[in-house]
Amino acid sequence: MTEDGDKQTDQKPEAIKPERVWEMIDRIDVAMLVTRSDQGMRGRPMSTIPKPERGLVYVLTESTSDAARDVRENGSVFLSFQGRGDHVALHGQAKVESDKNLVRELWSPGAKVFWPEGPEAHDVVALAIDPDHADVWDGHGLLRGIANIVRGAVEGRSPDLGTRGQADL
């Protein structure tokens, strides 16, 4: 379904190539990770590590974190990425990976901010998210988006805000 202002049409969403989805999420470092717990849905911003060659998105966290506990109870997760006009909503299945070799492989200078003692500290684990579906708004970026809105208003037509679609991953 596409939106045109407040109006909606029954057009099928455009098919987005999975490669494009991976490109988009690779450019956006932080996503909102939404998990389910016995208390309902819970969201928190998390730095993501996309690995398209594996078809997985990773998140580092502690084994005792709420996110890891929620994933152990119910692996169904939602990741919402937003940046520079691009928006990606991923649904997938997650599991907790305790493999320290994987944690070291995924380690980055940004992780050191949270765990200064290194990948072995605080029982750091990886959440491995296997995305199955993405809803996408492949936008033009802030300045071009504003220009298209102004042009649309001047010309009396709906602005081109990018491509909305979906992909199975």
C-alpha atoms as a PDB file:
ATOM      1  CA  MET A   1       0.000   0.000   0.000  1.00  0.00           C
ATOM      2  CA  THR A   2       1.341   3.465  -0.811  1.00  0.00           C
ATOM      3  CA  GLU A   3       0.398   6.706   0.821  1.00  0.00           C
ATOM      4  CA  ASP A   4      -0.198   9.997  -0.911  1.00  0.00           C
ATOM      5  CA  GLY A   5      -0.585  12.540   1.864  1.00  0.00           C
ATOM      6  CA  ASP A   6      -3.458  11.208   3.962  1.00  0.00           C
ATOM      7  CA  LYS A   7      -4.907   9.205   1.070  1.00  0.00           C
ATOM      8  CA  GLN A   8      -4.136   5.539   0.560  1.00  0.00           C
ATOM      9  CA  THR A   9      -4.393   3.466  -2.582  1.00  0.00           C
ATOM     10  CA  ASP A  10      -4.677  -0.264  -3.032  1.00  0.00           C
ATOM     11  CA  GLN A  11      -1.537  -0.529  -5.155  1.00  0.00           C
ATOM     12  CA  LYS A  12       0.788  -3.390  -4.314  1.00  0.00           C
ATOM     13  CA  PRO A  13       4.029  -2.272  -2.678  1.00  0.00           C
ATOM     14  CA  GLU A  14       6.958  -2.197  -5.031  1.00  0.00           C
ATOM     15  CA  ALA A  15       9.331  -5.149  -4.790  1.00  0.00           C
ATOM     16  CA  ILE A  16      12.684  -4.005  -3.427  1.00  0.00           C
ATOM     17  CA  LYS A  17      15.785  -6.057  -4.159  1.00  0.00           C
ATOM     18  CA  PRO A  18      17.218  -7.653  -0.994  1.00  0.00           C
ATOM     19  CA  GLU A  19      20.645  -6.239  -1.915  1.00  0.00           C
ATOM     20  CA  ARG A  20      19.208  -2.716  -1.675  1.00  0.00           C
ATOM     21  CA  VAL A  21      17.795  -3.440   1.797  1.00  0.00           C
ATOM     22  CA  TRP A  22      21.219  -4.640   2.978  1.00  0.00           C
ATOM     23  CA  GLU A  23      22.848  -1.492   1.519  1.00  0.00           C
ATOM     24  CA  MET A  24      20.368   0.702   3.382  1.00  0.00           C
ATOM     25  CA  ILE A  25      20.780  -0.972   6.780  1.00  0.00           C
ATOM     26  CA  ASP A  26      24.559  -1.063   6.385  1.00  0.00           C
ATOM     27  CA  ARG A  27      24.547   2.765   6.271  1.00  0.00           C
ATOM     28  CA  ILE A  28      22.415   3.129   9.419  1.00  0.00           C
ATOM     29  CA  ASP A  29      24.316   2.175  12.563  1.00  0.00           C
ATOM     30  CA  VAL A  30      21.583   2.284  15.208  1.00  0.00           C
ATOM     31  CA  ALA A  31      18.191   0.612  14.998  1.00  0.00           C
ATOM     32  CA  MET A  32      15.343   0.268  17.437  1.00  0.00           C
ATOM     33  CA  LEU A  33      15.268  -3.389  18.499  1.00  0.00           C
ATOM     34  CA  VAL A  34      11.799  -4.478  19.610  1.00  0.00           C
ATOM     35  CA  THR A  35      11.406  -7.753  21.492  1.00  0.00           C
ATOM     36  CA  ARG A  36       8.528  -9.499  23.217  1.00  0.00           C
ATOM     37  CA  SER A  37       8.467 -10.372  26.885  1.00  0.00           C
ATOM     38  CA  ASP A  38       5.805 -11.512  29.309  1.00  0.00           C
ATOM     39  CA  GLN A  39       5.292  -7.798  30.017  1.00  0.00           C
ATOM     40  CA  GLY A  40       4.624  -6.948  26.367  1.00  0.00           C
ATOM     41  CA  MET A  41       6.708  -5.436  23.597  1.00  0.00           C
ATOM     42  CA  ARG A  42       9.915  -3.646  24.566  1.00  0.00           C
ATOM     43  CA  GLY A  43      12.123  -1.446  22.420  1.00  0.00           C
ATOM     44  CA  ARG A  44      15.629  -0.139  22.813  1.00  0.00           C
ATOM     45  CA  PRO A  45      18.118   1.524  20.450  1.00  0.00           C
ATOM     46  CA  MET A  46      20.986  -0.831  19.570  1.00  0.00           C
ATOM     47  CA  SER A  47      24.011  -0.606  17.316  1.00  0.00           C
ATOM     48  CA  THR A  48      23.691  -3.193  14.563  1.00  0.00           C
ATOM     49  CA  ILE A  49      26.265  -5.184  12.617  1.00  0.00           C
ATOM     50  CA  PRO A  50      24.781  -6.312   9.273  1.00  0.00           C
ATOM     51  CA  LYS A  51      26.426  -9.306   7.609  1.00  0.00           C
ATOM     52  CA  PRO A  52      24.641  -9.688   4.256  1.00  0.00           C
ATOM     53  CA  GLU A  53      26.942 -12.521   3.176  1.00  0.00           C
ATOM     54  CA  ARG A  54      25.499 -14.538   6.084  1.00  0.00           C
ATOM     55  CA  GLY A  55      21.992 -13.100   5.798  1.00  0.00           C
ATOM     56  CA  LEU A  56      22.182 -11.986   9.449  1.00  0.00           C
ATOM     57  CA  VAL A  57      22.131  -8.792  11.497  1.00  0.00           C
ATOM     58  CA  TYR A  58      24.043  -8.947  14.777  1.00  0.00           C
ATOM     59  CA  VAL A  59      23.713  -6.935  17.958  1.00  0.00           C
ATOM     60  CA  LEU A  60      26.166  -7.102  20.858  1.00  0.00           C
ATOM     61  CA  THR A  61      24.723  -7.130  24.361  1.00  0.00           C
ATOM     62  CA  GLU A  62      25.278  -8.785  27.726  1.00  0.00           C
ATOM     63  CA  SER A  63      23.901 -12.262  28.340  1.00  0.00           C
ATOM     64  CA  THR A  64      21.904 -10.908  31.295  1.00  0.00           C
ATOM     65  CA  SER A  65      20.395  -7.959  29.405  1.00  0.00           C
ATOM     66  CA  ASP A  66      16.638  -7.633  28.959  1.00  0.00           C
ATOM     67  CA  ALA A  67      17.129  -7.985  25.196  1.00  0.00           C
ATOM     68  CA  ALA A  68      18.953 -11.329  25.573  1.00  0.00           C
ATOM     69  CA  ARG A  69      16.378 -12.589  28.083  1.00  0.00           C
ATOM     70  CA  ASP A  70      13.506 -11.605  25.801  1.00  0.00           C
ATOM     71  CA  VAL A  71      15.124 -13.312  22.787  1.00  0.00           C
ATOM     72  CA  ARG A  72      15.625 -16.510  24.775  1.00  0.00           C
ATOM     73  CA  GLU A  73      11.896 -16.490  25.642  1.00  0.00           C
ATOM     74  CA  ASN A  74      10.588 -15.432  22.222  1.00  0.00           C
ATOM     75  CA  GLY A  75      12.936 -15.045  19.267  1.00  0.00           C
ATOM     76  CA  SER A  76      10.517 -12.986  17.166  1.00  0.00           C
ATOM     77  CA  VAL A  77      12.027  -9.488  16.851  1.00  0.00           C
ATOM     78  CA  PHE A  78      11.528  -6.249  14.944  1.00  0.00           C
ATOM     79  CA  LEU A  79      14.300  -3.838  13.904  1.00  0.00           C
ATOM     80  CA  SER A  80      13.465  -0.301  12.795  1.00  0.00           C
ATOM     81  CA  PHE A  81      16.198   1.612  10.934  1.00  0.00           C
ATOM     82  CA  GLN A  82      15.939   5.298  10.009  1.00  0.00           C
ATOM     83  CA  GLY A  83      18.525   7.561   8.459  1.00  0.00           C
ATOM     84  CA  ARG A  84      19.094  10.078   5.640  1.00  0.00           C
ATOM     85  CA  GLY A  85      15.641   9.609   4.168  1.00  0.00           C
ATOM     86  CA  ASP A  86      15.796   5.817   4.327  1.00  0.00           C
ATOM     87  CA  HIS A  87      13.513   3.778   6.569  1.00  0.00           C
ATOM     88  CA  VAL A  88      13.648  -0.001   6.941  1.00  0.00           C
ATOM     89  CA  ALA A  89      11.457  -2.130   9.184  1.00  0.00           C
ATOM     90  CA  LEU A  90      12.726  -5.702   9.507  1.00  0.00           C
ATOM     91  CA  HIS A  91      11.000  -8.657  11.074  1.00  0.00           C
ATOM     92  CA  GLY A  92      13.001 -11.750  11.890  1.00  0.00           C
ATOM     93  CA  GLN A  93      13.953 -14.506  14.281  1.00  0.00           C
ATOM     94  CA  ALA A  94      16.767 -13.983  16.768  1.00  0.00           C
ATOM     95  CA  LYS A  95      18.849 -16.194  18.964  1.00  0.00           C
ATOM     96  CA  VAL A  96      21.537 -15.571  21.556  1.00  0.00           C
ATOM     97  CA  GLU A  97      25.045 -16.604  20.425  1.00  0.00           C
ATOM     98  CA  SER A  98      27.567 -17.004  23.261  1.00  0.00           C
ATOM     99  CA  ASP A  99      30.494 -17.907  20.979  1.00  0.00           C
ATOM    100  CA  LYS A 100      33.405 -15.663  22.067  1.00  0.00           C
ATOM    101  CA  ASN A 101      35.091 -16.038  18.652  1.00  0.00           C
ATOM    102  CA  LEU A 102      31.972 -14.518  17.062  1.00  0.00           C
ATOM    103  CA  VAL A 103      31.911 -11.716  19.647  1.00  0.00           C
ATOM    104  CA  ARG A 104      35.591 -10.931  18.944  1.00  0.00           C
ATOM    105  CA  GLU A 105      34.903 -10.965  15.191  1.00  0.00           C
ATOM    106  CA  LEU A 106      32.056  -8.466  15.633  1.00  0.00           C
ATOM    107  CA  TRP A 107      33.997  -6.276  18.087  1.00  0.00           C
ATOM    108  CA  SER A 108      34.544  -2.633  17.125  1.00  0.00           C
ATOM    109  CA  PRO A 109      35.851   0.555  18.728  1.00  0.00           C
ATOM    110  CA  GLY A 110      32.218   1.489  19.429  1.00  0.00           C
ATOM    111  CA  ALA A 111      31.732  -1.673  21.487  1.00  0.00           C
ATOM    112  CA  LYS A 112      34.715  -0.698  23.626  1.00  0.00           C
ATOM    113  CA  VAL A 113      32.745   2.341  24.810  1.00  0.00           C
ATOM    114  CA  PHE A 114      30.241   0.004  26.493  1.00  0.00           C
ATOM    115  CA  TRP A 115      32.686  -2.712  27.524  1.00  0.00           C
ATOM    116  CA  PRO A 116      36.111  -1.065  28.057  1.00  0.00           C
ATOM    117  CA  GLU A 117      37.611  -4.345  29.308  1.00  0.00           C
ATOM    118  CA  GLY A 118      37.066  -5.999  25.921  1.00  0.00           C
ATOM    119  CA  PRO A 119      34.876  -8.713  24.396  1.00  0.00           C
ATOM    120  CA  GLU A 120      35.286 -11.105  27.352  1.00  0.00           C
ATOM    121  CA  ALA A 121      34.009  -8.513  29.823  1.00  0.00           C
ATOM    122  CA  HIS A 122      30.550  -8.709  31.340  1.00  0.00           C
ATOM    123  CA  ASP A 123      29.713 -11.866  29.424  1.00  0.00           C
ATOM    124  CA  VAL A 124      29.130 -10.095  26.113  1.00  0.00           C
ATOM    125  CA  VAL A 125      27.066 -12.139  23.642  1.00  0.00           C
ATOM    126  CA  ALA A 126      25.731 -11.573  20.135  1.00  0.00           C
ATOM    127  CA  LEU A 127      22.095 -11.566  19.159  1.00  0.00           C
ATOM    128  CA  ALA A 128      21.949 -13.152  15.697  1.00  0.00           C
ATOM    129  CA  ILE A 129      18.894 -11.879  13.839  1.00  0.00           C
ATOM    130  CA  ASP A 130      17.756 -13.724  10.728  1.00  0.00           C
ATOM    131  CA  PRO A 131      15.479 -11.253   8.925  1.00  0.00           C
ATOM    132  CA  ASP A 132      12.645 -12.681   6.864  1.00  0.00           C
ATOM    133  CA  HIS A 133      10.780  -9.571   5.672  1.00  0.00           C
ATOM    134  CA  ALA A 134      11.486  -5.858   5.209  1.00  0.00           C
ATOM    135  CA  ASP A 135       9.174  -2.919   4.641  1.00  0.00           C
ATOM    136  CA  VAL A 136      11.137  -0.091   3.052  1.00  0.00           C
ATOM    137  CA  TRP A 137      10.882   3.592   2.298  1.00  0.00           C
ATOM    138  CA  ASP A 138      13.878   4.337   0.096  1.00  0.00           C
ATOM    139  CA  GLY A 139      13.887   8.123   0.396  1.00  0.00           C
ATOM    140  CA  HIS A 140      15.896  10.835  -1.334  1.00  0.00           C
ATOM    141  CA  GLY A 141      17.520  12.341   1.736  1.00  0.00           C
ATOM    142  CA  LEU A 142      16.593  15.425   3.706  1.00  0.00           C
ATOM    143  CA  LEU A 143      17.465  18.247   1.269  1.00  0.00           C
ATOM    144  CA  ARG A 144      16.087  16.589  -1.841  1.00  0.00           C
ATOM    145  CA  GLY A 145      13.005  15.500   0.134  1.00  0.00           C
ATOM    146  CA  ILE A 146      12.350  19.105   1.235  1.00  0.00           C
ATOM    147  CA  ALA A 147      12.893  20.349  -2.326  1.00  0.00           C
ATOM    148  CA  ASN A 148      10.398  17.781  -3.653  1.00  0.00           C
ATOM    149  CA  ILE A 149       7.824  18.804  -1.023  1.00  0.00           C
ATOM    150  CA  VAL A 150       8.206  22.495  -1.952  1.00  0.00           C
ATOM    151  CA  ARG A 151       8.062  21.694  -5.698  1.00  0.00           C
ATOM    152  CA  GLY A 152       4.939  19.575  -5.145  1.00  0.00           C
ATOM    153  CA  ALA A 153       3.255  22.377  -3.194  1.00  0.00           C
ATOM    154  CA  VAL A 154       4.089  24.955  -5.870  1.00  0.00           C
ATOM    155  CA  GLU A 155       2.930  22.668  -8.692  1.00  0.00           C
ATOM    156  CA  GLY A 156      -0.137  21.466  -6.788  1.00  0.00           C
ATOM    157  CA  ARG A 157       0.811  17.793  -6.827  1.00  0.00           C
ATOM    158  CA  SER A 158       2.022  15.155  -4.406  1.00  0.00           C
ATOM    159  CA  PRO A 159       5.769  15.232  -3.820  1.00  0.00           C
ATOM    160  CA  ASP A 160       8.098  12.388  -4.795  1.00  0.00           C
ATOM    161  CA  LEU A 161       9.394  11.195  -1.432  1.00  0.00           C
ATOM    162  CA  GLY A 162      11.050   8.029  -2.686  1.00  0.00           C
ATOM    163  CA  THR A 163      10.146   4.410  -3.215  1.00  0.00           C
ATOM    164  CA  ARG A 164       8.029   2.467  -0.781  1.00  0.00           C
ATOM    165  CA  GLY A 165       8.132  -1.273  -1.011  1.00  0.00           C
ATOM    166  CA  GLN A 166       8.974  -4.567   0.573  1.00  0.00           C
ATOM    167  CA  ALA A 167      11.426  -7.408   0.300  1.00  0.00           C
ATOM    168  CA  ASP A 168      11.624 -10.977   1.465  1.00  0.00           C
ATOM    169  CA  LEU A 169      15.108 -11.651   2.744  1.00  0.00           C
END
